[in-house]
Amino acid sequence: MSRSGKTPKRTIENDPVYNSHQLTKLVNKLMRNGKKQVAYNLVYRALEMVKTNLKVDDPLETFRQALENIKPNVEVRSRRVGGAAYQVPVPVKGDRKESLAIRWLIAAARARSSKDFHTFADKLSTEIMEASQGKGGAVKRKQDTHRMAEGNRAFAHFRW
């Protein structure tokens, strides 16, 4: 049975220190086995490292800049047409941009070599700093996604 209308979105409370819903989303995505306080501590330690390494007053602004640099504008989705699967470029809407950016940021931080860093907070802070400057694994992922969408632009007419 189809739904009538849109389903309501869950409201996410702002985090207690920086009062940011984006940080809460990062913490929720980073959290494992329900250990939210551990995730909060990792994120706050990473932001402190950003603050000391870049010598900025507000590390949250650096984090926001990093997210803006990671957010994709287009992505490719598989679409089956006549027995063949095409990668069709589609624009990314609203909250999905932020969700993808946070997911890619965490994945890039986890993929960093552990011999260069002592803790995950080191990895996350380095990834945030590099992303704010337009470098790093998460920004590379965005560029790869955009390149793939550009390459498959010929299939854009299959968009639904």
C-alpha atoms as a PDB file:
ATOM      1  CA  MET A   1       0.000   0.000   0.000  1.00  0.00           C
ATOM      2  CA  SER A   2       1.408   3.393  -0.941  1.00  0.00           C
ATOM      3  CA  ARG A   3       1.928   6.103   1.600  1.00  0.00           C
ATOM      4  CA  SER A   4      -0.068   9.270   1.498  1.00  0.00           C
ATOM      5  CA  GLY A   5       2.229  12.277   1.506  1.00  0.00           C
ATOM      6  CA  LYS A   6       5.774  12.519   2.779  1.00  0.00           C
ATOM      7  CA  THR A   7       7.052  10.839   5.898  1.00  0.00           C
ATOM      8  CA  PRO A   8       8.353  13.236   8.539  1.00  0.00           C
ATOM      9  CA  LYS A   9      12.118  13.522   9.048  1.00  0.00           C
ATOM     10  CA  ARG A  10      13.643  12.769  12.416  1.00  0.00           C
ATOM     11  CA  THR A  11      14.846  15.886  14.163  1.00  0.00           C
ATOM     12  CA  ILE A  12      18.461  15.720  15.243  1.00  0.00           C
ATOM     13  CA  GLU A  13      19.456  17.713  18.289  1.00  0.00           C
ATOM     14  CA  ASN A  14      22.490  19.972  18.171  1.00  0.00           C
ATOM     15  CA  ASP A  15      25.636  18.785  19.896  1.00  0.00           C
ATOM     16  CA  PRO A  16      26.205  20.186  23.413  1.00  0.00           C
ATOM     17  CA  VAL A  17      29.564  21.935  22.865  1.00  0.00           C
ATOM     18  CA  TYR A  18      29.416  23.573  19.420  1.00  0.00           C
ATOM     19  CA  ASN A  19      25.608  23.624  19.031  1.00  0.00           C
ATOM     20  CA  SER A  20      25.797  22.173  15.502  1.00  0.00           C
ATOM     21  CA  HIS A  21      23.507  19.586  13.927  1.00  0.00           C
ATOM     22  CA  GLN A  22      26.226  18.717  11.382  1.00  0.00           C
ATOM     23  CA  LEU A  23      28.533  17.600  14.202  1.00  0.00           C
ATOM     24  CA  THR A  24      25.729  15.501  15.660  1.00  0.00           C
ATOM     25  CA  LYS A  25      25.272  13.806  12.278  1.00  0.00           C
ATOM     26  CA  LEU A  26      29.030  13.149  12.158  1.00  0.00           C
ATOM     27  CA  VAL A  27      28.950  11.657  15.658  1.00  0.00           C
ATOM     28  CA  ASN A  28      25.931   9.467  14.853  1.00  0.00           C
ATOM     29  CA  LYS A  29      27.600   8.156  11.706  1.00  0.00           C
ATOM     30  CA  LEU A  30      30.902   7.595  13.515  1.00  0.00           C
ATOM     31  CA  MET A  31      29.322   5.828  16.487  1.00  0.00           C
ATOM     32  CA  ARG A  32      29.782   2.076  16.800  1.00  0.00           C
ATOM     33  CA  ASN A  33      27.867  -0.295  19.072  1.00  0.00           C
ATOM     34  CA  GLY A  34      25.862   2.560  20.600  1.00  0.00           C
ATOM     35  CA  LYS A  35      28.949   4.195  22.127  1.00  0.00           C
ATOM     36  CA  LYS A  36      27.927   7.798  21.492  1.00  0.00           C
ATOM     37  CA  GLN A  37      30.129   9.335  24.189  1.00  0.00           C
ATOM     38  CA  VAL A  38      33.211   7.670  22.666  1.00  0.00           C
ATOM     39  CA  ALA A  39      32.258   9.135  19.277  1.00  0.00           C
ATOM     40  CA  TYR A  40      31.740  12.597  20.792  1.00  0.00           C
ATOM     41  CA  ASN A  41      35.170  12.427  22.446  1.00  0.00           C
ATOM     42  CA  LEU A  42      36.827  11.455  19.148  1.00  0.00           C
ATOM     43  CA  VAL A  43      35.162  14.309  17.252  1.00  0.00           C
ATOM     44  CA  TYR A  44      35.940  16.901  19.935  1.00  0.00           C
ATOM     45  CA  ARG A  45      39.583  15.767  20.120  1.00  0.00           C
ATOM     46  CA  ALA A  46      39.823  16.007  16.334  1.00  0.00           C
ATOM     47  CA  LEU A  47      38.394  19.548  16.395  1.00  0.00           C
ATOM     48  CA  GLU A  48      40.865  20.548  19.125  1.00  0.00           C
ATOM     49  CA  MET A  49      43.693  19.268  16.917  1.00  0.00           C
ATOM     50  CA  VAL A  50      42.315  21.286  13.994  1.00  0.00           C
ATOM     51  CA  LYS A  51      42.214  24.340  16.257  1.00  0.00           C
ATOM     52  CA  THR A  52      45.838  23.956  17.389  1.00  0.00           C
ATOM     53  CA  ASN A  53      47.328  22.902  14.035  1.00  0.00           C
ATOM     54  CA  LEU A  54      45.649  25.577  11.915  1.00  0.00           C
ATOM     55  CA  LYS A  55      45.670  28.167  14.708  1.00  0.00           C
ATOM     56  CA  VAL A  56      42.037  29.127  14.139  1.00  0.00           C
ATOM     57  CA  ASP A  57      39.542  30.364  16.715  1.00  0.00           C
ATOM     58  CA  ASP A  58      36.577  28.379  15.432  1.00  0.00           C
ATOM     59  CA  PRO A  59      37.347  24.818  14.270  1.00  0.00           C
ATOM     60  CA  LEU A  60      33.645  24.390  13.461  1.00  0.00           C
ATOM     61  CA  GLU A  61      34.045  26.835  10.569  1.00  0.00           C
ATOM     62  CA  THR A  62      36.909  24.719   9.220  1.00  0.00           C
ATOM     63  CA  PHE A  63      34.684  21.633   9.525  1.00  0.00           C
ATOM     64  CA  ARG A  64      31.860  23.389   7.651  1.00  0.00           C
ATOM     65  CA  GLN A  65      34.268  24.458   4.903  1.00  0.00           C
ATOM     66  CA  ALA A  66      35.504  20.864   4.643  1.00  0.00           C
ATOM     67  CA  LEU A  67      31.925  19.591   4.261  1.00  0.00           C
ATOM     68  CA  GLU A  68      31.217  22.191   1.563  1.00  0.00           C
ATOM     69  CA  ASN A  69      34.281  21.017  -0.350  1.00  0.00           C
ATOM     70  CA  ILE A  70      33.179  17.378  -0.092  1.00  0.00           C
ATOM     71  CA  LYS A  71      29.458  17.729  -0.949  1.00  0.00           C
ATOM     72  CA  PRO A  72      28.731  16.311  -4.423  1.00  0.00           C
ATOM     73  CA  ASN A  73      26.424  18.009  -6.925  1.00  0.00           C
ATOM     74  CA  VAL A  74      25.791  14.951  -9.115  1.00  0.00           C
ATOM     75  CA  GLU A  75      26.044  11.197  -8.672  1.00  0.00           C
ATOM     76  CA  VAL A  76      25.482   8.168 -10.878  1.00  0.00           C
ATOM     77  CA  ARG A  77      22.710   5.651 -10.342  1.00  0.00           C
ATOM     78  CA  SER A  78      22.247   2.328 -12.087  1.00  0.00           C
ATOM     79  CA  ARG A  79      19.228   2.105 -14.354  1.00  0.00           C
ATOM     80  CA  ARG A  80      18.253  -1.050 -16.238  1.00  0.00           C
ATOM     81  CA  VAL A  81      16.988  -0.366 -19.734  1.00  0.00           C
ATOM     82  CA  GLY A  82      16.373  -3.235 -22.136  1.00  0.00           C
ATOM     83  CA  GLY A  83      18.589  -5.747 -20.388  1.00  0.00           C
ATOM     84  CA  ALA A  84      21.550  -3.375 -20.023  1.00  0.00           C
ATOM     85  CA  ALA A  85      22.477  -1.446 -16.885  1.00  0.00           C
ATOM     86  CA  TYR A  86      23.438   2.174 -17.495  1.00  0.00           C
ATOM     87  CA  GLN A  87      25.124   4.530 -15.059  1.00  0.00           C
ATOM     88  CA  VAL A  88      22.808   7.528 -15.234  1.00  0.00           C
ATOM     89  CA  PRO A  89      23.972  10.878 -13.782  1.00  0.00           C
ATOM     90  CA  VAL A  90      21.406  12.478 -11.470  1.00  0.00           C
ATOM     91  CA  PRO A  91      21.630  15.653  -9.355  1.00  0.00           C
ATOM     92  CA  VAL A  92      22.014  15.130  -5.611  1.00  0.00           C
ATOM     93  CA  LYS A  93      19.255  16.677  -3.528  1.00  0.00           C
ATOM     94  CA  GLY A  94      19.351  18.462  -0.173  1.00  0.00           C
ATOM     95  CA  ASP A  95      20.186  16.333   2.837  1.00  0.00           C
ATOM     96  CA  ARG A  96      21.744  13.567   0.750  1.00  0.00           C
ATOM     97  CA  LYS A  97      24.638  15.902  -0.132  1.00  0.00           C
ATOM     98  CA  GLU A  98      25.479  16.312   3.538  1.00  0.00           C
ATOM     99  CA  SER A  99      24.998  12.609   4.281  1.00  0.00           C
ATOM    100  CA  LEU A 100      27.323  11.582   1.461  1.00  0.00           C
ATOM    101  CA  ALA A 101      29.907  14.167   2.532  1.00  0.00           C
ATOM    102  CA  ILE A 102      29.934  12.916   6.127  1.00  0.00           C
ATOM    103  CA  ARG A 103      30.066   9.278   5.009  1.00  0.00           C
ATOM    104  CA  TRP A 104      32.992   9.980   2.662  1.00  0.00           C
ATOM    105  CA  LEU A 105      34.825  12.007   5.332  1.00  0.00           C
ATOM    106  CA  ILE A 106      34.652   9.128   7.821  1.00  0.00           C
ATOM    107  CA  ALA A 107      35.568   6.521   5.199  1.00  0.00           C
ATOM    108  CA  ALA A 108      38.603   8.550   4.102  1.00  0.00           C
ATOM    109  CA  ALA A 109      39.721   9.010   7.708  1.00  0.00           C
ATOM    110  CA  ARG A 110      39.358   5.283   8.420  1.00  0.00           C
ATOM    111  CA  ALA A 111      41.283   4.414   5.234  1.00  0.00           C
ATOM    112  CA  ARG A 112      44.322   6.470   6.254  1.00  0.00           C
ATOM    113  CA  SER A 113      47.435   4.488   7.092  1.00  0.00           C
ATOM    114  CA  SER A 114      47.690   3.754  10.821  1.00  0.00           C
ATOM    115  CA  LYS A 115      51.510   3.899  10.852  1.00  0.00           C
ATOM    116  CA  ASP A 116      51.420   7.684  10.334  1.00  0.00           C
ATOM    117  CA  PHE A 117      48.831   8.380  13.043  1.00  0.00           C
ATOM    118  CA  HIS A 118      48.388   7.333  16.650  1.00  0.00           C
ATOM    119  CA  THR A 119      44.630   7.641  17.076  1.00  0.00           C
ATOM    120  CA  PHE A 120      41.517   7.943  14.960  1.00  0.00           C
ATOM    121  CA  ALA A 121      41.177  11.551  16.158  1.00  0.00           C
ATOM    122  CA  ASP A 122      44.513  12.273  14.405  1.00  0.00           C
ATOM    123  CA  LYS A 123      43.223  10.738  11.189  1.00  0.00           C
ATOM    124  CA  LEU A 124      39.915  12.615  11.368  1.00  0.00           C
ATOM    125  CA  SER A 125      41.544  15.966  12.130  1.00  0.00           C
ATOM    126  CA  THR A 126      43.990  15.561   9.245  1.00  0.00           C
ATOM    127  CA  GLU A 127      41.171  14.638   6.877  1.00  0.00           C
ATOM    128  CA  ILE A 128      39.107  17.668   7.999  1.00  0.00           C
ATOM    129  CA  MET A 129      42.083  20.013   7.539  1.00  0.00           C
ATOM    130  CA  GLU A 130      42.902  18.634   4.093  1.00  0.00           C
ATOM    131  CA  ALA A 131      39.257  18.696   2.984  1.00  0.00           C
ATOM    132  CA  SER A 132      38.930  22.332   4.059  1.00  0.00           C
ATOM    133  CA  GLN A 133      41.836  23.092   1.700  1.00  0.00           C
ATOM    134  CA  GLY A 134      40.321  21.064  -1.154  1.00  0.00           C
ATOM    135  CA  LYS A 135      42.634  18.056  -0.784  1.00  0.00           C
ATOM    136  CA  GLY A 136      42.362  14.625   0.844  1.00  0.00           C
ATOM    137  CA  GLY A 137      40.614  11.346   0.202  1.00  0.00           C
ATOM    138  CA  ALA A 138      37.056  12.606   0.636  1.00  0.00           C
ATOM    139  CA  VAL A 139      37.518  15.434  -1.878  1.00  0.00           C
ATOM    140  CA  LYS A 140      39.100  12.946  -4.290  1.00  0.00           C
ATOM    141  CA  ARG A 141      36.007  10.750  -3.917  1.00  0.00           C
ATOM    142  CA  LYS A 142      33.795  13.717  -4.820  1.00  0.00           C
ATOM    143  CA  GLN A 143      35.935  14.498  -7.863  1.00  0.00           C
ATOM    144  CA  ASP A 144      35.803  10.841  -8.967  1.00  0.00           C
ATOM    145  CA  THR A 145      32.011  10.862  -8.654  1.00  0.00           C
ATOM    146  CA  HIS A 146      31.753  14.055 -10.693  1.00  0.00           C
ATOM    147  CA  ARG A 147      34.133  12.648 -13.316  1.00  0.00           C
ATOM    148  CA  MET A 148      32.050   9.464 -13.590  1.00  0.00           C
ATOM    149  CA  ALA A 149      28.854  11.513 -13.984  1.00  0.00           C
ATOM    150  CA  GLU A 150      30.526  13.636 -16.660  1.00  0.00           C
ATOM    151  CA  GLY A 151      31.677  10.527 -18.500  1.00  0.00           C
ATOM    152  CA  ASN A 152      28.181   9.050 -18.498  1.00  0.00           C
ATOM    153  CA  ARG A 153      26.440  12.270 -19.485  1.00  0.00           C
ATOM    154  CA  ALA A 154      25.286  10.618 -22.698  1.00  0.00           C
ATOM    155  CA  PHE A 155      22.894   8.470 -20.637  1.00  0.00           C
ATOM    156  CA  ALA A 156      21.277  11.453 -18.880  1.00  0.00           C
ATOM    157  CA  HIS A 157      18.137  11.027 -20.984  1.00  0.00           C
ATOM    158  CA  PHE A 158      17.436   7.777 -19.054  1.00  0.00           C
ATOM    159  CA  ARG A 159      16.915   9.802 -15.889  1.00  0.00           C
ATOM    160  CA  TRP A 160      13.585   9.148 -14.222  1.00  0.00           C
END
